Amino acid sequence: MHPRTPQFGILVPQLNTTPDAGIATARAAERTGFDSFWVMDHLYGPGAPPVNVPGRH
């Protein structure tokens, strides 16, 4: 690959979802040609509104 070839990634939320849904999204991104798959480095952002986390009561 030429060093100046643009690459495209996808940033996806990991809040209010399941691991299986994240895996499915990553696979779909790969199939459609994205070069990378990114998630936030924090599981819950400061000041973010409450979320419904699957599997937690």
C-alpha atoms as a PDB file:
ATOM      1  CA  MET A   1       0.000   0.000   0.000  1.00  0.00           C
ATOM      2  CA  HIS A   2       1.262   3.455  -0.901  1.00  0.00           C
ATOM      3  CA  PRO A   3       1.924   5.563   2.221  1.00  0.00           C
ATOM      4  CA  ARG A   4      -0.448   8.290   1.005  1.00  0.00           C
ATOM      5  CA  THR A   5      -3.396   6.021   0.330  1.00  0.00           C
ATOM      6  CA  PRO A   6      -6.299   7.183   2.507  1.00  0.00           C
ATOM      7  CA  GLN A   7      -7.712   4.694   4.947  1.00  0.00           C
ATOM      8  CA  PHE A   8     -11.144   4.828   6.501  1.00  0.00           C
ATOM      9  CA  GLY A   9     -12.276   3.610   9.880  1.00  0.00           C
ATOM     10  CA  ILE A  10     -15.572   3.456  11.697  1.00  0.00           C
ATOM     11  CA  LEU A  11     -16.209   4.676  15.249  1.00  0.00           C
ATOM     12  CA  VAL A  12     -19.070   2.848  16.908  1.00  0.00           C
ATOM     13  CA  PRO A  13     -20.718   3.296  20.290  1.00  0.00           C
ATOM     14  CA  GLN A  14     -20.442   0.450  22.758  1.00  0.00           C
ATOM     15  CA  LEU A  15     -23.015   1.782  25.202  1.00  0.00           C
ATOM     16  CA  ASN A  16     -26.474   0.272  25.421  1.00  0.00           C
ATOM     17  CA  THR A  17     -25.551  -2.672  23.181  1.00  0.00           C
ATOM     18  CA  THR A  18     -24.261  -6.231  23.507  1.00  0.00           C
ATOM     19  CA  PRO A  19     -20.910  -7.822  22.699  1.00  0.00           C
ATOM     20  CA  ASP A  20     -22.575  -9.887  19.952  1.00  0.00           C
ATOM     21  CA  ALA A  21     -23.942  -6.720  18.338  1.00  0.00           C
ATOM     22  CA  GLY A  22     -20.464  -5.157  18.445  1.00  0.00           C
ATOM     23  CA  ILE A  23     -18.949  -8.201  16.788  1.00  0.00           C
ATOM     24  CA  ALA A  24     -21.647  -8.160  14.098  1.00  0.00           C
ATOM     25  CA  THR A  25     -20.985  -4.468  13.453  1.00  0.00           C
ATOM     26  CA  ALA A  26     -17.220  -5.061  13.229  1.00  0.00           C
ATOM     27  CA  ARG A  27     -17.734  -7.876  10.742  1.00  0.00           C
ATOM     28  CA  ALA A  28     -20.094  -5.741   8.658  1.00  0.00           C
ATOM     29  CA  ALA A  29     -17.536  -2.911   8.652  1.00  0.00           C
ATOM     30  CA  GLU A  30     -14.851  -5.322   7.466  1.00  0.00           C
ATOM     31  CA  ARG A  31     -17.093  -6.740   4.717  1.00  0.00           C
ATOM     32  CA  THR A  32     -17.893  -3.246   3.444  1.00  0.00           C
ATOM     33  CA  GLY A  33     -14.231  -2.227   3.219  1.00  0.00           C
ATOM     34  CA  PHE A  34     -13.460  -0.200   6.354  1.00  0.00           C
ATOM     35  CA  ASP A  35      -9.783  -0.360   7.346  1.00  0.00           C
ATOM     36  CA  SER A  36     -10.301  -0.073  11.098  1.00  0.00           C
ATOM     37  CA  PHE A  37     -12.949  -0.370  13.818  1.00  0.00           C
ATOM     38  CA  TRP A  38     -12.850   1.988  16.798  1.00  0.00           C
ATOM     39  CA  VAL A  39     -14.661   2.217  20.128  1.00  0.00           C
ATOM     40  CA  MET A  40     -14.398   4.854  22.842  1.00  0.00           C
ATOM     41  CA  ASP A  41     -11.672   4.384  25.423  1.00  0.00           C
ATOM     42  CA  HIS A  42     -14.176   4.969  28.251  1.00  0.00           C
ATOM     43  CA  LEU A  43     -17.139   2.729  28.931  1.00  0.00           C
ATOM     44  CA  TYR A  44     -19.159   5.653  30.262  1.00  0.00           C
ATOM     45  CA  GLY A  45     -18.367   9.249  29.432  1.00  0.00           C
ATOM     46  CA  PRO A  46     -18.331  11.863  32.193  1.00  0.00           C
ATOM     47  CA  GLY A  47     -21.608  13.775  32.236  1.00  0.00           C
ATOM     48  CA  ALA A  48     -23.306  11.274  29.939  1.00  0.00           C
ATOM     49  CA  PRO A  49     -26.980  10.582  30.565  1.00  0.00           C
ATOM     50  CA  PRO A  50     -27.971   7.301  32.259  1.00  0.00           C
ATOM     51  CA  VAL A  51     -28.095   4.296  29.939  1.00  0.00           C
ATOM     52  CA  ASN A  52     -29.820   0.944  30.103  1.00  0.00           C
ATOM     53  CA  VAL A  53     -27.017  -1.637  30.184  1.00  0.00           C
ATOM     54  CA  PRO A  54     -28.185  -5.062  28.980  1.00  0.00           C
ATOM     55  CA  GLY A  55     -27.881  -7.731  31.658  1.00  0.00           C
ATOM     56  CA  ARG A  56     -27.789  -5.265  34.573  1.00  0.00           C
ATOM     57  CA  HIS A  57     -30.704  -4.738  36.877  1.00  0.00           C
END
